[in-house]
C-alpha cells in the first residue's frame, strides 16, 4: 500500500475528476493519478493536509465516526468570539437541519482588525471585505472528530462569525509537513504509515468493517 501527504492549495476540488474545476489529482504526476485517491475531502477554498492512498480500508478506518480520528484546522475569521460562544462550540452547536455537532476543541490564537487579514483575502472579494478595515477579526484552531460538509464554517457561523481562511494542519497523528509548499506532496514516512496501519487493524479488530 502507498500513502502520500499533499499540502492542498485553494481553488482545487477534492475529487478524481471534475467538469468545472481543476482537481487535487493534478498535483501528482499523471502516471500516479489512476492508482490513488483522496481520503476524505477539503472544500475548494480550504487548504492544508490531504491524504492520498491506494488503500481502501484506510478510508473507513480514518473517516468512520466509530474511530474518532481528530482533525485540526487553523482558521482566520471575521467577528469576535466571546467566552460564551467558545463554551457553546466546545459543547456542541446546531449547524442546521437538526444537526448538533459533537464537542470540539477550540482555542483563540490572535485578535486583530479586518485589514490585518488582507493578505489572506481572495482578489475578487478583497474590495468588499476591506470596506470595513477596522472591523473585528481573530484567528484560532479548532479540532473535531466529525466530517460533516462545511462543518468548521457552519460551526463558526453558528457563533456569529464568518471564516475567511481555513487550513487543515493535522489528521489524527499526521501533521502537515512545514517543508511542503502549497501543491507539493511527499510519501509518508515509516512512522506515519505505521499509525495508519494501526488504525486499519483496530478498525478490523473491532468489527467496524462488517
N, C-alpha and C. Protein backbone atom coordinates (compact mmCIF):
# COMPACT_ATOMS: atom_id res chain seq x y z
N UNK A 1 0.83 -1.18 0.00
CA UNK A 1 0.00 0.00 0.00
C UNK A 1 0.88 1.25 0.00
N UNK A 2 0.35 2.32 -0.57
CA UNK A 2 1.10 3.57 -0.66
C UNK A 2 0.28 4.70 -0.04
N UNK A 3 0.98 5.61 0.65
CA UNK A 3 0.32 6.73 1.31
C UNK A 3 1.11 8.01 1.04
N UNK A 4 0.37 9.08 0.72
CA UNK A 4 1.00 10.34 0.38
C UNK A 4 0.30 11.50 1.09
N UNK A 5 1.08 12.51 1.42
CA UNK A 5 0.56 13.73 2.03
C UNK A 5 0.69 14.86 1.02
N UNK A 6 -0.41 15.60 0.82
CA UNK A 6 -0.41 16.78 -0.06
C UNK A 6 -0.72 18.01 0.76
N UNK A 7 -0.01 19.10 0.48
CA UNK A 7 -0.38 20.41 1.02
C UNK A 7 -1.30 21.06 -0.01
N UNK A 8 -2.60 20.85 0.17
CA UNK A 8 -3.59 21.28 -0.82
C UNK A 8 -3.66 22.81 -0.92
N UNK A 9 -3.60 23.33 -2.15
CA UNK A 9 -3.83 24.76 -2.34
C UNK A 9 -5.32 25.07 -2.41
N UNK A 10 -5.66 26.33 -2.30
CA UNK A 10 -7.02 26.76 -2.58
C UNK A 10 -7.31 26.57 -4.07
N UNK A 11 -8.60 26.62 -4.41
CA UNK A 11 -9.07 26.61 -5.80
C UNK A 11 -8.98 25.25 -6.48
N UNK A 12 -8.69 24.18 -5.72
CA UNK A 12 -8.72 22.84 -6.29
C UNK A 12 -9.83 22.04 -5.63
N UNK A 13 -10.57 21.29 -6.44
CA UNK A 13 -11.65 20.43 -5.94
C UNK A 13 -11.06 19.10 -5.49
N UNK A 14 -11.53 18.60 -4.34
CA UNK A 14 -11.10 17.29 -3.87
C UNK A 14 -11.96 16.22 -4.54
N UNK A 15 -11.48 15.78 -5.70
CA UNK A 15 -12.19 14.77 -6.48
C UNK A 15 -11.21 14.18 -7.48
N UNK A 16 -11.54 12.99 -8.00
CA UNK A 16 -10.70 12.39 -9.03
C UNK A 16 -10.82 13.16 -10.34
N UNK A 17 -12.06 13.56 -10.65
CA UNK A 17 -12.32 14.35 -11.86
C UNK A 17 -13.42 15.36 -11.57
N UNK A 18 -13.44 16.44 -12.31
CA UNK A 18 -14.50 17.45 -12.17
C UNK A 18 -14.64 18.18 -13.49
N UNK A 19 -15.89 18.38 -13.89
CA UNK A 19 -16.14 19.01 -15.19
C UNK A 19 -15.87 20.51 -15.20
N UNK A 20 -15.90 21.14 -14.03
CA UNK A 20 -15.83 22.60 -13.99
C UNK A 20 -14.57 23.17 -13.36
N UNK A 21 -13.87 22.37 -12.57
CA UNK A 21 -12.72 22.92 -11.83
C UNK A 21 -11.53 21.98 -11.91
N UNK A 22 -10.31 22.50 -11.77
CA UNK A 22 -9.14 21.64 -11.63
C UNK A 22 -9.23 20.88 -10.31
N UNK A 23 -8.65 19.70 -10.25
CA UNK A 23 -8.76 18.86 -9.07
C UNK A 23 -7.40 18.66 -8.40
N UNK A 24 -7.45 18.13 -7.18
CA UNK A 24 -6.22 17.86 -6.43
C UNK A 24 -5.35 16.82 -7.12
N UNK A 25 -5.92 16.00 -8.00
CA UNK A 25 -5.13 14.98 -8.68
C UNK A 25 -4.08 15.61 -9.59
N UNK A 26 -4.31 16.83 -10.01
CA UNK A 26 -3.37 17.49 -10.92
C UNK A 26 -2.06 17.86 -10.23
N UNK A 27 -2.01 17.73 -8.90
CA UNK A 27 -0.76 17.97 -8.17
C UNK A 27 0.21 16.79 -8.31
N UNK A 28 -0.31 15.63 -8.75
CA UNK A 28 0.50 14.42 -8.87
C UNK A 28 0.88 14.14 -10.32
N UNK A 29 1.98 13.42 -10.54
CA UNK A 29 2.32 13.02 -11.91
C UNK A 29 1.20 12.19 -12.52
N UNK A 30 1.04 12.30 -13.79
CA UNK A 30 -0.08 11.65 -14.47
C UNK A 30 -0.09 10.14 -14.25
N UNK A 31 1.09 9.51 -14.18
CA UNK A 31 1.13 8.06 -14.05
C UNK A 31 0.64 7.57 -12.68
N UNK A 32 0.49 8.48 -11.70
CA UNK A 32 0.03 8.09 -10.37
C UNK A 32 -1.47 8.28 -10.18
N UNK A 33 -2.10 9.06 -11.02
CA UNK A 33 -3.46 9.53 -10.76
C UNK A 33 -4.52 8.45 -10.76
N UNK A 34 -4.33 7.40 -11.52
CA UNK A 34 -5.34 6.35 -11.58
C UNK A 34 -5.31 5.43 -10.36
N UNK A 35 -4.16 5.32 -9.72
CA UNK A 35 -3.99 4.32 -8.67
C UNK A 35 -4.28 4.84 -7.26
N UNK A 36 -4.29 6.17 -7.07
CA UNK A 36 -4.53 6.72 -5.73
C UNK A 36 -5.77 7.59 -5.71
N UNK A 37 -6.26 7.85 -4.51
CA UNK A 37 -7.45 8.68 -4.35
C UNK A 37 -7.33 9.46 -3.04
N UNK A 38 -8.03 10.59 -2.93
CA UNK A 38 -8.00 11.35 -1.67
C UNK A 38 -8.83 10.65 -0.59
N UNK A 39 -8.35 10.74 0.64
CA UNK A 39 -9.07 10.19 1.80
C UNK A 39 -9.86 11.34 2.41
N UNK A 40 -11.17 11.29 2.25
CA UNK A 40 -12.00 12.42 2.68
C UNK A 40 -11.85 13.57 1.69
N UNK A 41 -12.22 14.77 2.14
CA UNK A 41 -12.17 15.91 1.24
C UNK A 41 -11.95 17.20 2.01
N UNK A 42 -11.45 18.19 1.28
CA UNK A 42 -11.38 19.57 1.76
C UNK A 42 -12.13 20.43 0.76
N UNK A 43 -12.84 21.44 1.24
CA UNK A 43 -13.56 22.34 0.35
C UNK A 43 -12.61 22.99 -0.64
N UNK A 44 -13.15 23.50 -1.73
CA UNK A 44 -12.34 24.11 -2.77
C UNK A 44 -11.51 25.28 -2.24
N UNK A 45 -12.02 26.01 -1.25
CA UNK A 45 -11.29 27.16 -0.72
C UNK A 45 -10.56 26.86 0.59
N UNK A 46 -10.48 25.57 0.95
CA UNK A 46 -9.73 25.14 2.13
C UNK A 46 -8.42 24.52 1.69
N UNK A 47 -7.36 24.83 2.42
CA UNK A 47 -6.05 24.29 2.05
C UNK A 47 -5.51 23.41 3.17
N UNK A 48 -4.31 22.86 2.96
CA UNK A 48 -3.66 22.09 4.00
C UNK A 48 -3.58 20.60 3.77
N UNK A 49 -3.51 19.85 4.86
CA UNK A 49 -3.21 18.42 4.83
C UNK A 49 -4.32 17.60 4.20
N UNK A 50 -3.96 16.87 3.14
CA UNK A 50 -4.88 15.95 2.49
C UNK A 50 -4.11 14.67 2.22
N UNK A 51 -4.69 13.54 2.61
CA UNK A 51 -4.05 12.24 2.48
C UNK A 51 -4.54 11.54 1.21
N UNK A 52 -3.61 10.84 0.54
CA UNK A 52 -3.93 10.06 -0.67
C UNK A 52 -3.38 8.65 -0.49
N UNK A 53 -4.09 7.68 -1.05
CA UNK A 53 -3.68 6.28 -0.90
C UNK A 53 -4.31 5.40 -1.96
N UNK A 54 -3.81 4.17 -2.04
CA UNK A 54 -4.46 3.11 -2.83
C UNK A 54 -5.03 2.05 -1.88
N UNK A 55 -5.13 2.40 -0.61
CA UNK A 55 -5.63 1.51 0.45
C UNK A 55 -7.10 1.80 0.71
N UNK A 56 -7.98 0.87 0.36
CA UNK A 56 -9.41 1.09 0.52
C UNK A 56 -9.88 1.06 1.96
N UNK A 57 -9.24 0.25 2.81
CA UNK A 57 -9.64 0.18 4.21
C UNK A 57 -9.33 1.49 4.92
N UNK A 58 -8.27 2.15 4.50
CA UNK A 58 -7.83 3.39 5.13
C UNK A 58 -8.95 4.43 5.15
N UNK A 59 -9.73 4.52 4.09
CA UNK A 59 -10.83 5.48 4.05
C UNK A 59 -11.78 5.27 5.22
N UNK A 60 -12.12 4.01 5.47
CA UNK A 60 -13.08 3.71 6.52
C UNK A 60 -12.47 3.81 7.91
N UNK A 61 -11.22 3.37 8.07
CA UNK A 61 -10.62 3.37 9.40
C UNK A 61 -10.28 4.79 9.88
N UNK A 62 -10.13 5.72 8.95
CA UNK A 62 -9.81 7.09 9.34
C UNK A 62 -11.02 8.02 9.33
N UNK A 63 -12.08 7.64 8.59
CA UNK A 63 -13.22 8.54 8.44
C UNK A 63 -14.48 8.08 9.16
N UNK A 64 -14.56 6.80 9.51
CA UNK A 64 -15.77 6.30 10.17
C UNK A 64 -15.95 6.96 11.53
N UNK A 65 -17.18 7.35 11.87
CA UNK A 65 -17.43 8.01 13.16
C UNK A 65 -16.96 7.19 14.37
N UNK A 66 -17.02 5.84 14.26
CA UNK A 66 -16.64 5.00 15.39
C UNK A 66 -15.16 5.16 15.76
N UNK A 67 -14.35 5.59 14.80
CA UNK A 67 -12.90 5.63 15.01
C UNK A 67 -12.42 6.91 15.70
N UNK A 68 -13.25 7.94 15.69
CA UNK A 68 -12.95 9.19 16.41
C UNK A 68 -11.57 9.76 16.07
N UNK A 69 -11.24 9.81 14.79
CA UNK A 69 -9.96 10.41 14.39
C UNK A 69 -10.12 11.93 14.36
N UNK A 70 -9.30 12.61 15.14
CA UNK A 70 -9.41 14.06 15.27
C UNK A 70 -8.72 14.78 14.12
N UNK A 71 -9.39 15.80 13.61
CA UNK A 71 -8.83 16.65 12.56
C UNK A 71 -8.73 18.07 13.10
N UNK A 72 -7.58 18.71 12.91
CA UNK A 72 -7.33 20.04 13.45
C UNK A 72 -7.16 21.05 12.33
N UNK A 73 -7.79 22.20 12.51
CA UNK A 73 -7.78 23.26 11.50
C UNK A 73 -7.31 24.57 12.12
N UNK A 74 -6.56 25.33 11.34
CA UNK A 74 -6.22 26.71 11.67
C UNK A 74 -7.16 27.60 10.87
N UNK A 75 -7.72 28.64 11.49
CA UNK A 75 -8.65 29.50 10.76
C UNK A 75 -8.44 30.97 11.09
N UNK A 76 -8.87 31.82 10.18
CA UNK A 76 -8.99 33.26 10.38
C UNK A 76 -10.43 33.61 10.08
N UNK A 77 -11.04 34.47 10.91
CA UNK A 77 -12.47 34.75 10.75
C UNK A 77 -12.79 36.21 11.06
N UNK A 78 -13.87 36.68 10.46
CA UNK A 78 -14.43 37.99 10.77
C UNK A 78 -15.32 37.85 12.01
N UNK A 79 -15.27 38.85 12.89
CA UNK A 79 -16.13 38.85 14.07
C UNK A 79 -15.30 38.74 15.34
N UNK A 80 -15.93 38.31 16.39
CA UNK A 80 -15.24 38.11 17.66
C UNK A 80 -15.84 36.91 18.36
N UNK A 81 -15.08 36.35 19.29
CA UNK A 81 -15.51 35.15 19.98
C UNK A 81 -15.55 35.41 21.48
N UNK A 82 -16.73 35.33 22.04
CA UNK A 82 -16.88 35.53 23.47
C UNK A 82 -16.66 34.21 24.21
N UNK A 83 -16.50 34.30 25.52
CA UNK A 83 -16.34 33.10 26.34
C UNK A 83 -17.57 32.19 26.22
N UNK A 84 -18.74 32.81 26.13
CA UNK A 84 -19.98 32.04 25.99
C UNK A 84 -20.01 31.28 24.66
N UNK A 85 -19.58 31.96 23.59
CA UNK A 85 -19.55 31.29 22.28
C UNK A 85 -18.53 30.16 22.26
N UNK A 86 -17.38 30.38 22.88
CA UNK A 86 -16.37 29.32 22.95
C UNK A 86 -16.92 28.09 23.67
N UNK A 87 -17.61 28.32 24.75
CA UNK A 87 -18.17 27.20 25.51
C UNK A 87 -19.21 26.44 24.70
N UNK A 88 -20.01 27.18 23.94
CA UNK A 88 -21.04 26.51 23.13
C UNK A 88 -20.40 25.62 22.06
N UNK A 89 -19.31 26.10 21.44
CA UNK A 89 -18.63 25.30 20.43
C UNK A 89 -17.98 24.08 21.07
N UNK A 90 -17.46 24.23 22.25
CA UNK A 90 -16.81 23.11 22.94
C UNK A 90 -17.81 22.05 23.37
N UNK A 91 -19.07 22.47 23.56
CA UNK A 91 -20.10 21.52 23.99
C UNK A 91 -20.88 20.92 22.84
N UNK A 92 -20.93 21.64 21.72
CA UNK A 92 -21.72 21.20 20.57
C UNK A 92 -22.77 22.23 20.21
N UNK A 93 -22.87 22.57 18.92
CA UNK A 93 -23.81 23.60 18.47
C UNK A 93 -24.67 23.08 17.31
N UNK A 94 -25.79 23.74 17.10
CA UNK A 94 -26.66 23.42 15.98
C UNK A 94 -26.11 24.06 14.71
N UNK A 95 -25.96 23.26 13.66
CA UNK A 95 -25.48 23.79 12.38
C UNK A 95 -26.55 23.65 11.29
N UNK A 96 -27.79 23.52 11.71
CA UNK A 96 -28.90 23.49 10.76
C UNK A 96 -29.39 22.10 10.45
N UNK A 97 -30.64 22.01 10.00
CA UNK A 97 -31.27 20.75 9.61
C UNK A 97 -31.25 19.72 10.74
N UNK A 98 -31.36 20.22 11.97
CA UNK A 98 -31.42 19.33 13.11
C UNK A 98 -30.10 18.70 13.51
N UNK A 99 -29.00 19.18 12.94
CA UNK A 99 -27.69 18.59 13.23
C UNK A 99 -27.01 19.33 14.38
N UNK A 100 -26.59 18.57 15.37
CA UNK A 100 -25.85 19.10 16.51
C UNK A 100 -24.44 18.51 16.46
N UNK A 101 -23.45 19.36 16.53
CA UNK A 101 -22.08 18.86 16.47
C UNK A 101 -21.66 18.21 17.79
N UNK A 102 -20.70 17.34 17.69
CA UNK A 102 -20.10 16.75 18.88
C UNK A 102 -19.20 17.79 19.54
N UNK A 103 -18.84 17.60 20.81
CA UNK A 103 -17.92 18.53 21.46
C UNK A 103 -16.63 18.71 20.66
N UNK A 104 -16.11 19.92 20.64
CA UNK A 104 -14.92 20.25 19.87
C UNK A 104 -13.90 20.93 20.77
N UNK A 105 -12.67 20.96 20.31
CA UNK A 105 -11.63 21.72 20.99
C UNK A 105 -11.35 22.99 20.17
N UNK A 106 -11.41 24.15 20.79
CA UNK A 106 -11.16 25.40 20.10
C UNK A 106 -10.33 26.33 20.98
N UNK A 107 -9.35 26.98 20.36
CA UNK A 107 -8.52 27.95 21.06
C UNK A 107 -8.36 29.17 20.17
N UNK A 108 -8.38 30.35 20.76
CA UNK A 108 -8.15 31.60 20.03
C UNK A 108 -6.64 31.90 20.07
N UNK A 109 -6.07 32.17 18.89
CA UNK A 109 -4.62 32.40 18.81
C UNK A 109 -4.26 33.85 18.52
N UNK A 110 -5.23 34.67 18.11
CA UNK A 110 -4.94 36.06 17.82
C UNK A 110 -6.19 36.88 17.66
N UNK A 111 -6.12 38.17 18.00
CA UNK A 111 -7.24 39.09 17.84
C UNK A 111 -6.70 40.34 17.14
N UNK A 112 -7.37 40.79 16.08
CA UNK A 112 -6.88 41.93 15.32
C UNK A 112 -8.00 42.56 14.51
N UNK A 113 -7.66 43.37 13.50
CA UNK A 113 -8.65 44.04 12.66
C UNK A 113 -8.71 43.39 11.28
N UNK A 114 -9.81 43.64 10.57
CA UNK A 114 -10.01 43.06 9.25
C UNK A 114 -8.84 43.37 8.33
N UNK A 115 -8.32 44.58 8.37
CA UNK A 115 -7.24 44.98 7.47
C UNK A 115 -5.98 44.13 7.64
N UNK A 116 -5.82 43.56 8.84
CA UNK A 116 -4.65 42.71 9.10
C UNK A 116 -4.73 41.37 8.37
N UNK A 117 -5.91 41.03 7.83
CA UNK A 117 -6.08 39.77 7.11
C UNK A 117 -6.07 39.98 5.60
N UNK A 118 -5.71 41.18 5.15
CA UNK A 118 -5.80 41.48 3.72
C UNK A 118 -5.00 40.49 2.87
N UNK A 119 -3.86 40.05 3.36
CA UNK A 119 -3.02 39.13 2.59
C UNK A 119 -3.67 37.77 2.38
N UNK A 120 -4.71 37.46 3.15
CA UNK A 120 -5.41 36.18 3.02
C UNK A 120 -6.65 36.27 2.13
N UNK A 121 -7.03 37.48 1.74
CA UNK A 121 -8.28 37.68 1.02
C UNK A 121 -8.14 37.34 -0.46
N UNK A 122 -9.10 36.60 -1.03
CA UNK A 122 -9.07 36.35 -2.48
C UNK A 122 -9.27 37.67 -3.23
N UNK A 123 -8.61 37.79 -4.37
CA UNK A 123 -8.63 39.05 -5.12
C UNK A 123 -10.04 39.54 -5.42
N UNK A 124 -10.92 38.62 -5.79
CA UNK A 124 -12.25 39.03 -6.23
C UNK A 124 -13.13 39.54 -5.08
N UNK A 125 -12.73 39.27 -3.82
CA UNK A 125 -13.53 39.70 -2.68
C UNK A 125 -12.83 40.74 -1.81
N UNK A 126 -11.60 41.08 -2.15
CA UNK A 126 -10.82 41.97 -1.30
C UNK A 126 -11.49 43.33 -1.11
N UNK A 127 -11.95 43.94 -2.21
CA UNK A 127 -12.57 45.27 -2.12
C UNK A 127 -13.78 45.25 -1.21
N UNK A 128 -14.59 44.20 -1.29
CA UNK A 128 -15.78 44.10 -0.46
C UNK A 128 -15.41 43.95 1.01
N UNK A 129 -14.43 43.06 1.30
CA UNK A 129 -14.03 42.83 2.68
C UNK A 129 -13.39 44.07 3.30
N UNK A 130 -12.66 44.83 2.49
CA UNK A 130 -11.91 45.98 3.01
C UNK A 130 -12.78 47.23 3.19
N UNK A 131 -14.08 47.12 2.93
CA UNK A 131 -14.97 48.25 3.19
C UNK A 131 -15.06 48.54 4.69
N UNK A 132 -14.73 47.54 5.50
CA UNK A 132 -14.74 47.71 6.95
C UNK A 132 -13.37 47.31 7.52
N UNK A 133 -12.32 48.06 7.18
CA UNK A 133 -10.96 47.64 7.53
C UNK A 133 -10.69 47.55 9.02
N UNK A 134 -11.44 48.28 9.83
CA UNK A 134 -11.21 48.27 11.27
C UNK A 134 -12.19 47.36 12.02
N UNK A 135 -12.89 46.55 11.26
CA UNK A 135 -13.80 45.59 11.89
C UNK A 135 -13.02 44.55 12.68
N UNK A 136 -13.72 43.84 13.54
CA UNK A 136 -13.07 42.86 14.41
C UNK A 136 -12.82 41.54 13.67
N UNK A 137 -11.69 40.94 13.99
CA UNK A 137 -11.31 39.67 13.38
C UNK A 137 -10.45 38.89 14.38
N UNK A 138 -10.29 37.59 14.14
CA UNK A 138 -9.50 36.77 15.05
C UNK A 138 -9.04 35.50 14.34
N UNK A 139 -8.11 34.82 14.96
CA UNK A 139 -7.64 33.54 14.43
C UNK A 139 -7.71 32.50 15.54
N UNK A 140 -7.67 31.23 15.14
CA UNK A 140 -7.74 30.18 16.14
C UNK A 140 -7.48 28.82 15.55
N UNK A 141 -7.57 27.82 16.41
CA UNK A 141 -7.50 26.43 15.98
C UNK A 141 -8.76 25.72 16.47
N UNK A 142 -9.24 24.78 15.68
CA UNK A 142 -10.45 24.05 16.03
C UNK A 142 -10.25 22.59 15.65
N UNK A 143 -10.53 21.69 16.57
CA UNK A 143 -10.34 20.25 16.34
C UNK A 143 -11.66 19.52 16.51
N UNK A 144 -11.97 18.66 15.54
CA UNK A 144 -13.21 17.90 15.56
C UNK A 144 -12.94 16.45 15.18
N UNK A 145 -13.85 15.56 15.57
CA UNK A 145 -13.75 14.15 15.19
C UNK A 145 -14.81 13.77 14.17
N UNK A 146 -15.53 14.77 13.67
CA UNK A 146 -16.56 14.52 12.67
C UNK A 146 -16.09 15.02 11.31
N UNK A 147 -16.95 14.91 10.32
CA UNK A 147 -16.59 15.40 9.00
C UNK A 147 -17.80 15.82 8.20
N UNK A 148 -18.73 16.52 8.86
CA UNK A 148 -19.91 17.00 8.14
C UNK A 148 -19.50 18.06 7.11
N UNK A 149 -20.26 18.15 6.05
CA UNK A 149 -19.94 19.09 4.97
C UNK A 149 -19.90 20.52 5.50
N UNK A 150 -18.82 21.23 5.21
CA UNK A 150 -18.63 22.63 5.63
C UNK A 150 -18.71 22.81 7.14
N UNK A 151 -18.35 21.78 7.90
CA UNK A 151 -18.63 21.80 9.34
C UNK A 151 -17.95 22.96 10.07
N UNK A 152 -16.68 23.20 9.82
CA UNK A 152 -15.98 24.28 10.54
C UNK A 152 -16.65 25.62 10.26
N UNK A 153 -16.94 25.87 9.00
CA UNK A 153 -17.57 27.14 8.62
C UNK A 153 -18.94 27.29 9.27
N UNK A 154 -19.69 26.19 9.31
CA UNK A 154 -21.03 26.25 9.90
C UNK A 154 -20.97 26.41 11.41
N UNK A 155 -19.99 25.82 12.04
CA UNK A 155 -19.84 25.97 13.49
C UNK A 155 -19.53 27.42 13.85
N UNK A 156 -18.61 28.02 13.12
CA UNK A 156 -18.26 29.41 13.41
C UNK A 156 -19.40 30.35 13.03
N UNK A 157 -20.14 30.01 11.99
CA UNK A 157 -21.31 30.82 11.64
C UNK A 157 -22.34 30.77 12.76
N UNK A 158 -22.50 29.60 13.37
CA UNK A 158 -23.44 29.46 14.49
C UNK A 158 -23.03 30.34 15.66
N UNK A 159 -21.74 30.67 15.73
CA UNK A 159 -21.24 31.55 16.79
C UNK A 159 -21.20 33.01 16.33
N UNK A 160 -21.78 33.28 15.15
CA UNK A 160 -21.86 34.65 14.66
C UNK A 160 -20.62 35.15 13.95
N UNK A 161 -19.78 34.24 13.48
CA UNK A 161 -18.53 34.62 12.81
C UNK A 161 -18.51 34.06 11.38
N UNK A 162 -17.63 34.62 10.56
CA UNK A 162 -17.51 34.18 9.17
C UNK A 162 -16.05 33.83 8.87
N UNK A 163 -15.82 32.62 8.38
CA UNK A 163 -14.46 32.16 8.09
C UNK A 163 -13.93 32.83 6.81
N UNK A 164 -12.70 33.33 6.90
CA UNK A 164 -12.01 33.86 5.73
C UNK A 164 -11.01 32.86 5.20
N UNK A 165 -10.26 32.23 6.10
CA UNK A 165 -9.18 31.32 5.71
C UNK A 165 -9.25 30.08 6.57
N UNK A 166 -9.08 28.91 5.92
CA UNK A 166 -9.16 27.65 6.65
C UNK A 166 -8.10 26.69 6.12
N UNK A 167 -7.33 26.14 7.05
CA UNK A 167 -6.25 25.21 6.69
C UNK A 167 -6.26 24.02 7.65
N UNK A 168 -6.26 22.80 7.09
CA UNK A 168 -6.14 21.63 7.95
C UNK A 168 -4.66 21.38 8.24
N UNK A 169 -4.33 21.30 9.51
CA UNK A 169 -2.94 21.14 9.93
C UNK A 169 -2.63 19.76 10.48
N UNK A 170 -3.66 18.99 10.85
CA UNK A 170 -3.42 17.66 11.40
C UNK A 170 -4.60 16.75 11.10
N UNK A 171 -4.29 15.48 10.90
CA UNK A 171 -5.29 14.44 10.64
C UNK A 171 -4.86 13.26 11.50
N UNK A 172 -5.48 13.13 12.69
CA UNK A 172 -5.01 12.11 13.63
C UNK A 172 -3.58 12.43 14.04
N UNK A 173 -2.69 11.45 13.91
CA UNK A 173 -1.28 11.66 14.27
C UNK A 173 -0.46 12.25 13.12
N UNK A 174 -1.08 12.45 11.97
CA UNK A 174 -0.37 13.06 10.85
C UNK A 174 -0.37 14.57 11.01
N UNK A 175 0.78 15.19 10.81
CA UNK A 175 0.91 16.64 10.89
C UNK A 175 1.35 17.17 9.53
N UNK A 176 0.78 18.28 9.11
CA UNK A 176 1.17 18.87 7.84
C UNK A 176 2.66 19.21 7.88
N UNK A 177 3.40 18.70 6.92
CA UNK A 177 4.84 18.92 6.85
C UNK A 177 5.11 20.38 6.48
N UNK A 178 5.77 21.15 7.36
CA UNK A 178 6.03 22.57 7.07
C UNK A 178 6.97 22.77 5.89
N UNK A 179 7.67 21.70 5.48
CA UNK A 179 8.57 21.82 4.34
C UNK A 179 7.83 21.77 3.00
N UNK A 180 6.57 21.36 3.02
CA UNK A 180 5.80 21.26 1.79
C UNK A 180 5.18 22.61 1.45
N UNK A 181 5.46 23.10 0.26
CA UNK A 181 4.78 24.30 -0.24
C UNK A 181 3.40 23.89 -0.72
N UNK A 182 2.52 24.88 -0.93
CA UNK A 182 1.20 24.57 -1.47
C UNK A 182 1.34 23.83 -2.80
N UNK A 183 0.61 22.74 -2.92
CA UNK A 183 0.66 21.95 -4.15
C UNK A 183 1.73 20.89 -4.17
N UNK A 184 2.59 20.85 -3.14
CA UNK A 184 3.64 19.84 -3.07
C UNK A 184 3.17 18.64 -2.24
N UNK A 185 3.76 17.49 -2.50
CA UNK A 185 3.39 16.26 -1.82
C UNK A 185 4.64 15.45 -1.51
N UNK A 186 4.48 14.50 -0.62
CA UNK A 186 5.54 13.54 -0.34
C UNK A 186 4.92 12.24 0.15
N UNK A 187 5.68 11.16 0.06
CA UNK A 187 5.24 9.88 0.60
C UNK A 187 5.36 9.93 2.13
N UNK A 188 4.45 9.24 2.81
CA UNK A 188 4.51 9.22 4.26
C UNK A 188 5.74 8.45 4.74
N UNK A 189 6.23 8.85 5.89
CA UNK A 189 7.36 8.15 6.49
C UNK A 189 6.90 6.80 7.05
N UNK A 190 7.87 5.99 7.44
CA UNK A 190 7.55 4.68 8.02
C UNK A 190 6.74 4.83 9.29
N UNK A 191 7.08 5.84 10.11
CA UNK A 191 6.34 6.06 11.35
C UNK A 191 4.91 6.50 11.08
N UNK A 192 4.71 7.38 10.11
CA UNK A 192 3.37 7.85 9.76
C UNK A 192 2.53 6.71 9.19
N UNK A 193 3.16 5.87 8.35
CA UNK A 193 2.47 4.73 7.77
C UNK A 193 2.07 3.72 8.84
N UNK A 194 2.94 3.55 9.81
CA UNK A 194 2.65 2.62 10.91
C UNK A 194 1.39 3.04 11.66
N UNK A 195 1.19 4.34 11.86
CA UNK A 195 -0.02 4.81 12.54
C UNK A 195 -1.26 4.42 11.74
N UNK A 196 -1.23 4.62 10.42
CA UNK A 196 -2.39 4.26 9.58
C UNK A 196 -2.66 2.76 9.67
N UNK A 197 -1.61 1.97 9.63
CA UNK A 197 -1.79 0.52 9.71
C UNK A 197 -2.38 0.10 11.05
N UNK A 198 -1.98 0.78 12.12
CA UNK A 198 -2.59 0.51 13.44
C UNK A 198 -4.08 0.85 13.43
N UNK A 199 -4.42 1.96 12.80
CA UNK A 199 -5.83 2.35 12.69
C UNK A 199 -6.62 1.32 11.89
N UNK A 200 -6.03 0.81 10.81
CA UNK A 200 -6.68 -0.22 10.00
C UNK A 200 -6.92 -1.49 10.81
N UNK A 201 -5.89 -1.89 11.56
CA UNK A 201 -6.00 -3.11 12.37
C UNK A 201 -7.06 -2.95 13.46
N UNK A 202 -7.11 -1.78 14.07
CA UNK A 202 -8.10 -1.52 15.11
C UNK A 202 -9.52 -1.54 14.53
N UNK A 203 -9.65 -1.00 13.33
CA UNK A 203 -10.95 -0.95 12.65
C UNK A 203 -11.47 -2.37 12.39
N UNK A 204 -10.58 -3.23 11.91
CA UNK A 204 -10.97 -4.61 11.61
C UNK A 204 -11.19 -5.40 12.90
N UNK A 205 -10.31 -5.20 13.88
CA UNK A 205 -10.40 -5.92 15.15
C UNK A 205 -11.73 -5.68 15.85
N UNK A 206 -12.24 -4.44 15.75
CA UNK A 206 -13.49 -4.10 16.40
C UNK A 206 -14.73 -4.46 15.58
N UNK A 207 -14.50 -5.02 14.41
CA UNK A 207 -15.62 -5.45 13.58
C UNK A 207 -16.39 -4.34 12.92
N UNK A 208 -15.81 -3.12 12.85
CA UNK A 208 -16.50 -1.99 12.25
C UNK A 208 -16.58 -2.10 10.74
N UNK A 209 -15.79 -3.01 10.16
CA UNK A 209 -15.77 -3.14 8.70
C UNK A 209 -16.91 -4.01 8.19
N UNK A 210 -17.65 -4.66 9.10
CA UNK A 210 -18.69 -5.59 8.67
C UNK A 210 -19.99 -4.86 8.36
